[in-house]
Amino acid sequence: MFDNLSARLARTLKSLRGQGRLSEDNIKDTLREVRMALLEADVALPVAREFIERVRTRALGQEVAQSLTPGQALIKIVHDELVAIMGAACDELKLNVPPPAVILMAGLQGSGKTTSSAKLARLLKERMKKRVLLASVDVYRPAAIEQLRVLAAEVGAEFFPSEATQDPVVIAAGALACARLHFIDVLIIDSAGRLHIDSEMMDEIKRLHAALHPVETLFVVDSMTGQDAVNTARVFNEALPLTGVILTKTDGDARGGAALSVRHVTGKPIKFLGTGEKTGALEPFHPERVASRILGMGDVLGLVEEAGRNLDLQQAEKMAARLKQGKDFNLEDFRDQLQQIRAMGGMAGMMEKLPDMANIPGVAKGQINDKDPQRMEAIINSMTLKERRRPDILNGPRKRRIAAGSGTQVQDVNRMLKQFDQMQRMMKQMAKGGMAKMLRGLKGRLPF
């Protein structure tokens, strides 16, 4: 997300290098480029205009601090205004009410309401230790109720059964009664969507809102629809007392204009970003961190939090102890590392949170492919225990058998072994001489 905007802003702000002061002359062209970058990112025109005006007002004539260049000063101003336009802080769900706290999901068909309902249930269950009940009142879309039932089982949430022949308000009332009876903390109602906004759809969701009195009414919108996302958010906000927005499919949106426009246009905070198809791919929306990512500063804090949630520290400590004892890093260890990377959202997800990603050449970014670790894991899984622990015995016939078993080619097996060899050398250097020696050994290359 924001790849195009980040790259454009990085090039634009470089133009101020060497200047001793921010003046109208040296920021005029820069701000024109920033404006074009925002519009190309599908940011709503009124939002882009106001943003540029606020930056100009703050930047004109500003003396540069002793330790800052004009480019750095302008980056700080742009960063602060990006945070302001998206909301000053992460807006958390307001669940401090007598249980069950009801969350009503609203949006158009295809926006990702059902999967977002399951993702939110998983997040509440795992991070906040809440008991969650999921219920579908989508009696129009074929298999919508069954889809939510399957997802509820996957994320470990309770599910309230319903039928396509029932009235949506009756289903919602039954789910609420069930939640109260079974001491459920949070009830999430997945409402029906339509392919377009119509009066019938709005009337139904108004009736649902009146019956449920939800503490959160979240508008779920596909970020890849750009300006349409902002327009539909505005219409829903006029019809319903929305409390927040969930932007979905942000992993496929290289522009990010919706994230910069929705808060400004509706006045409602973006509360979550859907960052992938898996049920764990939902992130709380932190405006300051997103602004930092847009400007190429990364999101190291987000990466640390992700690591804390997903990395198996005991497993890592065991492997470190083995290496210190002089034992070899083997293919089982390598597979564990691949699984840890996948748990953190893959290489692409991790790299996105690192600083200065906008300055990495496109060719290098293109080499980051999250399918490669999956392929390597499949190859390792096709090996015997002896082969994983003693990769030196892998000869031609064994490699052909492994390739056939993993659905790959012998060349893929050889490529994986080469990358394993690099990782093995890196681990040996790390065990002997620490992190600095390991980084020198890498010579700027990634081991995956």
Protein backbone atom coordinates (compact mmCIF):
# COMPACT_ATOMS: atom_id res chain seq x y z
CA MET A 1 0.00 0.00 0.00
CA PHE A 2 1.13 3.58 -0.76
CA ASP A 3 4.03 2.29 -2.91
CA ASN A 4 3.46 4.80 -5.72
CA LEU A 5 2.87 7.73 -3.37
CA SER A 6 5.95 6.86 -1.29
CA ALA A 7 8.22 6.66 -4.33
CA ARG A 8 6.89 9.93 -5.78
CA LEU A 9 7.21 11.83 -2.50
CA ALA A 10 10.74 10.50 -1.94
CA ARG A 11 11.85 11.83 -5.36
CA THR A 12 10.05 15.13 -4.85
CA LEU A 13 11.43 15.94 -1.39
CA LYS A 14 14.98 15.19 -2.55
CA SER A 15 14.79 18.32 -4.71
CA LEU A 16 15.16 20.52 -1.60
CA ARG A 17 18.60 19.16 -0.73
CA GLY A 18 21.25 21.83 -0.43
CA GLN A 19 18.79 24.65 0.28
CA GLY A 20 19.41 26.70 3.44
CA ARG A 21 15.84 27.83 4.00
CA LEU A 22 12.29 26.99 3.02
CA SER A 23 10.95 29.80 0.83
CA GLU A 24 8.00 30.29 -1.51
CA ASP A 25 10.25 29.80 -4.54
CA ASN A 26 11.89 26.55 -3.53
CA ILE A 27 8.71 24.86 -2.27
CA LYS A 28 6.34 25.99 -5.04
CA ASP A 29 7.43 23.31 -7.47
CA THR A 30 7.82 20.77 -4.70
CA LEU A 31 4.25 21.26 -3.49
CA ARG A 32 2.96 21.04 -7.05
CA GLU A 33 4.64 17.64 -7.32
CA VAL A 34 3.23 16.58 -3.93
CA ARG A 35 -0.24 17.61 -5.11
CA MET A 36 0.15 15.56 -8.29
CA ALA A 37 1.39 12.60 -6.23
CA LEU A 38 -1.72 12.80 -4.02
CA LEU A 39 -4.09 13.01 -6.99
CA GLU A 40 -2.36 10.09 -8.72
CA ALA A 41 -2.82 8.14 -5.47
CA ASP A 42 -6.58 8.73 -5.89
CA VAL A 43 -6.85 11.16 -3.00
CA ALA A 44 -10.07 13.22 -3.25
CA LEU A 45 -9.42 16.64 -4.83
CA PRO A 46 -10.79 18.72 -1.90
CA VAL A 47 -8.62 16.70 0.48
CA ALA A 48 -5.51 17.22 -1.66
CA ARG A 49 -6.18 20.96 -1.93
CA GLU A 50 -6.63 21.45 1.79
CA PHE A 51 -3.60 19.28 2.56
CA ILE A 52 -1.32 21.30 0.25
CA GLU A 53 -2.61 24.61 1.63
CA ARG A 54 -1.94 23.52 5.21
CA VAL A 55 1.59 22.36 4.31
CA ARG A 56 2.29 25.61 2.44
CA THR A 57 1.08 27.74 5.36
CA ARG A 58 3.35 25.91 7.80
CA ALA A 59 6.37 25.68 5.49
CA LEU A 60 6.65 29.20 4.08
CA GLY A 61 9.49 31.12 5.64
CA GLN A 62 10.15 28.48 8.29
CA GLU A 63 13.72 28.62 9.54
CA VAL A 64 15.40 25.26 9.35
CA ALA A 65 16.47 23.81 12.69
CA GLN A 66 20.22 23.51 13.11
CA SER A 67 20.24 19.75 12.62
CA LEU A 68 17.74 19.68 9.77
CA THR A 69 17.91 20.33 6.06
CA PRO A 70 14.90 22.00 4.35
CA GLY A 71 13.96 18.62 2.92
CA GLN A 72 13.86 17.10 6.39
CA ALA A 73 11.88 20.06 7.74
CA LEU A 74 9.31 19.74 4.96
CA ILE A 75 9.12 15.97 5.49
CA LYS A 76 8.23 16.60 9.14
CA ILE A 77 5.52 19.06 8.12
CA VAL A 78 4.12 16.65 5.53
CA HIS A 79 4.25 13.82 8.09
CA ASP A 80 2.38 15.89 10.70
CA GLU A 81 -0.30 16.91 8.19
CA LEU A 82 -0.73 13.33 6.97
CA VAL A 83 -1.32 12.28 10.58
CA ALA A 84 -3.79 15.15 11.07
CA ILE A 85 -5.77 14.28 7.95
CA MET A 86 -6.04 10.58 8.87
CA GLY A 87 -6.74 11.16 12.58
CA ALA A 88 -4.45 12.05 15.44
CA ALA A 89 -4.33 8.58 17.01
CA CYS A 90 -5.48 4.98 16.70
CA ASP A 91 -9.24 4.96 17.37
CA GLU A 92 -9.96 1.80 19.33
CA LEU A 93 -13.27 -0.03 19.55
CA LYS A 94 -15.45 1.23 22.37
CA LEU A 95 -16.27 -2.01 24.16
CA ASN A 96 -16.49 -0.69 27.72
CA VAL A 97 -20.25 -1.33 27.93
CA PRO A 98 -22.30 -4.01 29.69
CA PRO A 99 -21.92 -7.17 27.58
CA PRO A 100 -22.69 -8.06 24.94
CA ALA A 101 -21.16 -5.16 23.01
CA VAL A 102 -22.81 -5.22 19.58
CA ILE A 103 -20.83 -4.44 16.41
CA LEU A 104 -22.83 -3.95 13.20
CA MET A 105 -20.94 -4.40 9.94
CA ALA A 106 -22.22 -2.38 6.96
CA GLY A 107 -21.11 -1.95 3.35
CA LEU A 108 -21.61 -2.89 -0.27
CA GLN A 109 -21.55 -6.45 -1.58
CA GLY A 110 -18.03 -7.61 -2.32
CA SER A 111 -16.42 -5.13 0.07
CA GLY A 112 -15.28 -7.92 2.39
CA LYS A 113 -17.79 -7.64 5.26
CA THR A 114 -18.02 -11.37 5.97
CA THR A 115 -14.27 -12.01 6.03
CA SER A 116 -13.72 -8.77 7.99
CA SER A 117 -16.30 -9.95 10.56
CA ALA A 118 -14.31 -13.17 11.07
CA LYS A 119 -10.99 -11.30 11.14
CA LEU A 120 -12.33 -8.91 13.77
CA ALA A 121 -13.64 -11.83 15.83
CA ARG A 122 -10.19 -13.45 15.75
CA LEU A 123 -8.47 -10.19 16.74
CA LEU A 124 -10.85 -9.64 19.67
CA LYS A 125 -10.46 -13.25 20.79
CA GLU A 126 -6.67 -13.45 20.55
CA ARG A 127 -5.58 -9.96 21.60
CA MET A 128 -8.38 -8.92 23.97
CA LYS A 129 -9.46 -12.37 25.24
CA LYS A 130 -13.11 -11.72 24.37
CA ARG A 131 -15.82 -14.32 23.79
CA VAL A 132 -17.26 -13.46 20.38
CA LEU A 133 -20.51 -14.52 18.72
CA LEU A 134 -20.86 -14.14 14.94
CA ALA A 135 -24.26 -13.92 13.24
CA SER A 136 -25.19 -13.37 9.59
CA VAL A 137 -28.37 -11.51 8.55
CA ASP A 138 -27.42 -11.67 4.87
CA VAL A 139 -30.42 -13.67 3.62
CA TYR A 140 -29.94 -12.57 0.00
CA ARG A 141 -26.47 -13.70 -1.04
CA PRO A 142 -26.22 -17.44 -1.72
CA ALA A 143 -24.13 -19.28 0.89
CA ALA A 144 -23.38 -16.09 2.89
CA ILE A 145 -24.56 -17.68 6.15
CA GLU A 146 -22.58 -20.86 5.50
CA GLN A 147 -19.48 -18.85 4.66
CA LEU A 148 -19.62 -17.08 8.02
CA ARG A 149 -20.24 -20.38 9.83
CA VAL A 150 -17.07 -21.87 8.28
CA LEU A 151 -15.03 -18.75 9.11
CA ALA A 152 -16.34 -18.69 12.69
CA ALA A 153 -15.11 -22.26 13.17
CA GLU A 154 -11.74 -21.31 11.68
CA VAL A 155 -11.17 -18.37 14.06
CA GLY A 156 -12.63 -20.15 17.10
CA ALA A 157 -15.64 -17.87 17.55
CA GLU A 158 -19.20 -18.84 18.46
CA PHE A 159 -21.76 -18.88 15.63
CA PHE A 160 -25.49 -18.13 15.72
CA PRO A 161 -27.32 -20.23 13.08
CA SER A 162 -29.85 -18.57 10.77
CA GLU A 163 -31.84 -19.37 7.65
CA ALA A 164 -32.28 -17.51 4.37
CA THR A 165 -36.06 -17.60 4.88
CA GLN A 166 -35.90 -15.55 8.10
CA ASP A 167 -36.32 -11.81 8.50
CA PRO A 168 -32.93 -10.11 9.15
CA VAL A 169 -34.23 -8.18 12.18
CA VAL A 170 -35.63 -11.41 13.70
CA ILE A 171 -32.22 -13.09 13.24
CA ALA A 172 -30.44 -10.13 14.85
CA ALA A 173 -32.82 -10.11 17.84
CA GLY A 174 -32.33 -13.86 18.30
CA ALA A 175 -28.54 -13.49 18.16
CA LEU A 176 -28.65 -10.71 20.76
CA ALA A 177 -30.81 -12.83 23.09
CA CYS A 178 -28.42 -15.78 22.63
CA ALA A 179 -25.41 -13.57 23.39
CA ARG A 180 -27.00 -12.37 26.63
CA LEU A 181 -27.97 -15.89 27.67
CA HIS A 182 -24.48 -17.32 27.12
CA PHE A 183 -22.48 -14.40 28.58
CA ILE A 184 -20.91 -13.41 25.25
CA ASP A 185 -18.62 -10.35 25.37
CA VAL A 186 -19.01 -9.17 21.76
CA LEU A 187 -21.72 -9.86 19.16
CA ILE A 188 -20.75 -9.15 15.55
CA ILE A 189 -23.61 -8.86 13.04
CA ASP A 190 -22.69 -9.35 9.38
CA SER A 191 -25.35 -7.43 7.45
CA ALA A 192 -26.37 -7.90 3.83
CA GLY A 193 -24.72 -5.90 1.06
CA ARG A 194 -25.93 -4.88 -2.37
CA LEU A 195 -24.12 -4.30 -5.62
CA HIS A 196 -25.14 -0.64 -5.36
CA ILE A 197 -26.67 1.70 -2.84
CA ASP A 198 -30.48 1.54 -2.81
CA SER A 199 -33.30 2.68 -0.53
CA GLU A 200 -34.35 -0.89 0.36
CA MET A 201 -30.86 -1.72 1.57
CA MET A 202 -30.64 1.45 3.64
CA ASP A 203 -34.08 0.90 5.19
CA GLU A 204 -33.13 -2.62 6.26
CA ILE A 205 -29.87 -1.63 7.90
CA LYS A 206 -31.61 1.28 9.67
CA ARG A 207 -34.11 -1.23 11.11
CA LEU A 208 -31.20 -3.43 12.22
CA HIS A 209 -29.49 -0.50 13.88
CA ALA A 210 -32.70 0.48 15.71
CA ALA A 211 -33.20 -3.09 16.95
CA LEU A 212 -29.61 -3.69 18.06
CA HIS A 213 -28.39 -0.28 19.35
CA PRO A 214 -24.80 -1.24 18.43
CA VAL A 215 -21.87 0.37 20.22
CA GLU A 216 -19.93 0.23 16.93
CA THR A 217 -21.32 0.56 13.41
CA LEU A 218 -18.40 -0.12 11.10
CA PHE A 219 -18.47 0.68 7.41
CA VAL A 220 -16.47 -1.91 5.45
CA VAL A 221 -15.12 -0.63 2.14
CA ASP A 222 -12.77 -1.93 -0.56
CA SER A 223 -9.79 0.45 -0.69
CA MET A 224 -9.12 -0.48 -4.32
CA THR A 225 -12.31 1.31 -5.42
CA GLY A 226 -10.54 4.62 -4.74
CA GLN A 227 -12.88 7.60 -5.12
CA ASP A 228 -15.93 5.30 -5.05
CA ALA A 229 -14.87 4.18 -1.57
CA VAL A 230 -15.05 7.77 -0.38
CA ASN A 231 -18.40 8.42 -2.10
CA THR A 232 -20.08 5.30 -0.67
CA ALA A 233 -18.66 6.07 2.77
CA ARG A 234 -20.26 9.51 2.58
CA VAL A 235 -23.68 8.06 1.62
CA PHE A 236 -23.59 5.44 4.40
CA ASN A 237 -22.49 8.07 6.90
CA GLU A 238 -25.53 10.21 6.00
CA ALA A 239 -27.87 7.22 6.48
CA LEU A 240 -26.29 5.62 9.57
CA PRO A 241 -24.50 6.87 12.69
CA LEU A 242 -21.21 5.25 11.66
CA THR A 243 -18.52 5.01 14.32
CA GLY A 244 -15.64 3.92 12.09
CA VAL A 245 -14.35 2.41 8.87
CA ILE A 246 -12.57 -0.81 7.94
CA LEU A 247 -10.53 -0.50 4.74
CA THR A 248 -10.15 -3.90 3.06
CA LYS A 249 -7.79 -5.25 0.37
CA THR A 250 -5.13 -2.67 1.18
CA ASP A 251 -2.44 -5.21 0.26
CA GLY A 252 -3.55 -4.94 -3.38
CA ASP A 253 -3.86 -1.14 -3.37
CA ALA A 254 -0.61 0.56 -4.39
CA ARG A 255 -2.20 4.03 -4.28
CA GLY A 256 -3.85 4.37 -0.86
CA GLY A 257 -5.99 7.40 -1.69
CA ALA A 258 -9.01 6.05 0.19
CA ALA A 259 -7.05 5.91 3.46
CA LEU A 260 -6.13 9.57 3.07
CA SER A 261 -9.64 10.70 2.10
CA VAL A 262 -12.23 8.72 4.10
CA ARG A 263 -11.55 10.34 7.49
CA HIS A 264 -11.57 13.85 6.03
CA VAL A 265 -14.75 13.35 3.99
CA THR A 266 -16.84 11.47 6.57
CA GLY A 267 -15.33 12.66 9.82
CA LYS A 268 -15.26 9.00 10.91
CA PRO A 269 -12.01 7.28 11.91
CA ILE A 270 -10.45 4.40 10.02
CA LYS A 271 -10.22 1.72 12.72
CA PHE A 272 -8.74 -1.25 10.84
CA LEU A 273 -6.91 -2.16 7.64
CA GLY A 274 -7.48 -5.51 5.94
CA THR A 275 -4.02 -6.52 4.73
CA GLY A 276 -4.62 -9.93 3.13
CA GLU A 277 -6.98 -12.84 2.66
CA LYS A 278 -6.07 -14.80 5.79
CA THR A 279 -8.12 -14.39 8.97
CA GLY A 280 -5.12 -12.92 10.79
CA ALA A 281 -4.66 -10.16 8.21
CA LEU A 282 -6.36 -7.29 10.05
CA GLU A 283 -4.36 -4.42 11.57
CA PRO A 284 -5.50 -1.59 13.83
CA PHE A 285 -5.10 1.68 11.93
CA HIS A 286 -2.36 3.88 13.42
CA PRO A 287 -2.27 7.22 11.49
CA GLU A 288 1.23 8.12 12.67
CA ARG A 289 2.68 4.77 11.61
CA VAL A 290 0.91 4.90 8.25
CA ALA A 291 2.24 8.43 7.66
CA SER A 292 5.74 7.18 8.45
CA ARG A 293 5.36 4.33 5.95
CA ILE A 294 4.14 6.75 3.26
CA LEU A 295 7.27 8.87 3.76
CA GLY A 296 9.60 5.87 3.69
CA MET A 297 10.31 5.93 7.43
CA GLY A 298 8.90 2.44 7.91
CA ASP A 299 6.92 1.12 10.86
CA VAL A 300 9.49 -0.53 13.11
CA LEU A 301 7.15 -0.41 16.12
CA GLY A 302 4.50 -2.28 14.11
CA LEU A 303 7.13 -4.84 13.08
CA VAL A 304 8.18 -5.35 16.71
CA GLU A 305 4.54 -5.82 17.78
CA GLU A 306 4.01 -8.31 14.95
CA ALA A 307 7.11 -10.23 16.02
CA GLY A 308 5.94 -10.29 19.64
CA ARG A 309 2.59 -11.77 18.61
CA ASN A 310 3.77 -14.30 16.06
CA LEU A 311 7.34 -15.40 16.75
CA ASP A 312 7.93 -18.51 18.82
CA LEU A 313 10.56 -17.19 21.23
CA GLN A 314 11.11 -20.55 22.92
CA GLN A 315 11.84 -22.15 19.56
CA ALA A 316 14.25 -19.33 18.69
CA GLU A 317 16.05 -19.68 22.04
CA LYS A 318 16.43 -23.44 21.57
CA MET A 319 17.94 -22.95 18.12
CA ALA A 320 20.30 -20.25 19.45
CA ALA A 321 21.45 -22.60 22.23
CA ARG A 322 22.11 -25.40 19.72
CA LEU A 323 24.18 -23.09 17.52
CA LYS A 324 26.22 -21.89 20.50
CA GLN A 325 27.01 -25.53 21.26
CA GLY A 326 28.51 -25.84 17.79
CA LYS A 327 25.65 -27.84 16.27
CA ASP A 328 24.82 -27.27 12.63
CA PHE A 329 21.93 -25.20 11.38
CA ASN A 330 19.95 -27.80 9.39
CA LEU A 331 17.00 -27.84 7.01
CA GLU A 332 14.53 -28.32 9.86
CA ASP A 333 15.81 -25.07 11.37
CA PHE A 334 15.58 -23.41 7.97
CA ARG A 335 11.95 -24.55 7.63
CA ASP A 336 11.19 -23.10 11.08
CA GLN A 337 12.60 -19.76 9.93
CA LEU A 338 10.44 -19.83 6.80
CA GLN A 339 7.34 -20.54 8.90
CA GLN A 340 8.16 -17.66 11.26
CA ILE A 341 8.46 -15.28 8.29
CA ARG A 342 5.11 -16.44 6.94
CA ALA A 343 3.51 -15.93 10.37
CA MET A 344 4.66 -12.29 10.25
CA GLY A 345 2.97 -11.65 6.92
CA GLY A 346 5.72 -12.82 4.59
CA MET A 347 8.83 -11.02 3.35
CA ALA A 348 6.79 -8.39 1.48
CA GLY A 349 4.80 -7.54 4.63
CA MET A 350 7.96 -7.29 6.74
CA MET A 351 9.87 -5.26 4.18
CA GLU A 352 7.01 -2.77 3.88
CA LYS A 353 7.52 -1.84 7.53
CA LEU A 354 11.27 -1.24 7.19
CA PRO A 355 12.62 2.31 6.73
CA ASP A 356 13.79 3.62 3.34
CA MET A 357 11.87 1.05 1.29
CA ALA A 358 11.03 3.80 -1.22
CA ASN A 359 14.76 4.08 -2.01
CA ILE A 360 15.18 0.39 -2.84
CA PRO A 361 15.31 -0.15 -6.63
CA GLY A 362 12.21 -1.62 -8.24
CA VAL A 363 14.27 -4.57 -9.51
CA ALA A 364 15.24 -5.49 -5.95
CA LYS A 365 11.63 -5.17 -4.74
CA GLY A 366 10.53 -7.38 -7.61
CA GLN A 367 12.75 -10.17 -6.28
CA ILE A 368 10.74 -10.28 -3.03
CA ASN A 369 8.29 -13.06 -3.71
CA ASP A 370 6.35 -14.64 -0.86
CA LYS A 371 5.67 -17.73 -2.99
CA ASP A 372 9.36 -18.67 -2.83
CA PRO A 373 9.39 -19.43 0.93
CA GLN A 374 6.23 -21.53 0.48
CA ARG A 375 7.88 -23.47 -2.33
CA MET A 376 11.02 -24.00 -0.26
CA GLU A 377 8.94 -25.21 2.68
CA ALA A 378 7.17 -27.70 0.40
CA ILE A 379 10.53 -29.01 -0.82
CA ILE A 380 11.82 -29.49 2.73
CA ASN A 381 8.58 -31.25 3.74
CA SER A 382 9.15 -33.75 0.91
CA MET A 383 12.44 -34.86 2.46
CA THR A 384 13.02 -37.63 4.98
CA LEU A 385 14.02 -36.73 8.54
CA LYS A 386 17.58 -37.91 7.78
CA GLU A 387 17.79 -35.68 4.67
CA ARG A 388 16.56 -32.63 6.58
CA ARG A 389 19.16 -33.15 9.29
CA ARG A 390 21.99 -34.14 6.93
CA PRO A 391 21.54 -32.18 3.67
CA ASP A 392 25.03 -33.26 2.55
CA ILE A 393 23.58 -36.66 1.53
CA LEU A 394 21.26 -35.12 -1.09
CA ASN A 395 22.42 -36.59 -4.40
CA GLY A 396 20.80 -36.59 -7.85
CA PRO A 397 18.25 -39.40 -7.34
CA ARG A 398 17.18 -38.00 -3.96
CA LYS A 399 16.71 -34.53 -5.46
CA ARG A 400 14.56 -35.94 -8.29
CA ARG A 401 12.38 -37.75 -5.76
CA ILE A 402 12.04 -34.63 -3.60
CA ALA A 403 11.15 -32.48 -6.64
CA ALA A 404 8.46 -34.95 -7.70
CA GLY A 405 7.06 -35.12 -4.18
CA SER A 406 6.85 -31.33 -3.80
CA GLY A 407 5.56 -30.59 -7.30
CA THR A 408 8.70 -28.65 -8.22
CA GLN A 409 11.72 -29.04 -10.49
CA VAL A 410 15.23 -30.25 -9.59
CA GLN A 411 16.41 -26.68 -10.33
CA ASP A 412 14.07 -25.45 -7.56
CA VAL A 413 15.58 -27.96 -5.14
CA ASN A 414 19.10 -26.82 -6.05
CA ARG A 415 18.09 -23.16 -5.67
CA MET A 416 16.62 -23.84 -2.24
CA LEU A 417 19.78 -25.67 -1.16
CA LYS A 418 21.88 -22.72 -2.32
CA GLN A 419 19.79 -20.33 -0.24
CA PHE A 420 19.96 -22.72 2.70
CA ASP A 421 23.74 -22.78 2.34
CA GLN A 422 23.83 -18.97 2.52
CA MET A 423 21.63 -19.02 5.62
CA GLN A 424 23.75 -21.75 7.22
CA ARG A 425 26.94 -19.71 6.70
CA MET A 426 25.20 -16.64 8.08
CA MET A 427 24.15 -18.52 11.21
CA LYS A 428 27.68 -19.83 11.76
CA GLN A 429 29.06 -16.30 11.48
CA MET A 430 26.43 -15.07 13.88
CA ALA A 431 27.31 -17.79 16.41
CA LYS A 432 31.02 -16.97 16.16
CA GLY A 433 31.20 -13.23 15.70
CA GLY A 434 27.82 -11.69 16.37
CA MET A 435 25.46 -9.59 14.29
CA ALA A 436 28.06 -7.30 12.67
CA LYS A 437 30.00 -10.23 11.20
CA MET A 438 26.76 -11.80 9.97
CA LEU A 439 25.73 -8.59 8.15
CA ARG A 440 29.16 -8.31 6.53
CA GLY A 441 28.77 -11.88 5.32
CA LEU A 442 25.43 -11.07 3.69
CA LYS A 443 26.97 -8.21 1.64
CA GLY A 444 23.59 -6.57 1.21
CA ARG A 445 21.83 -9.71 -0.02
CA LEU A 446 18.78 -11.31 1.52
CA PRO A 447 19.14 -15.00 2.40
CA PHE A 448 15.64 -15.81 1.10
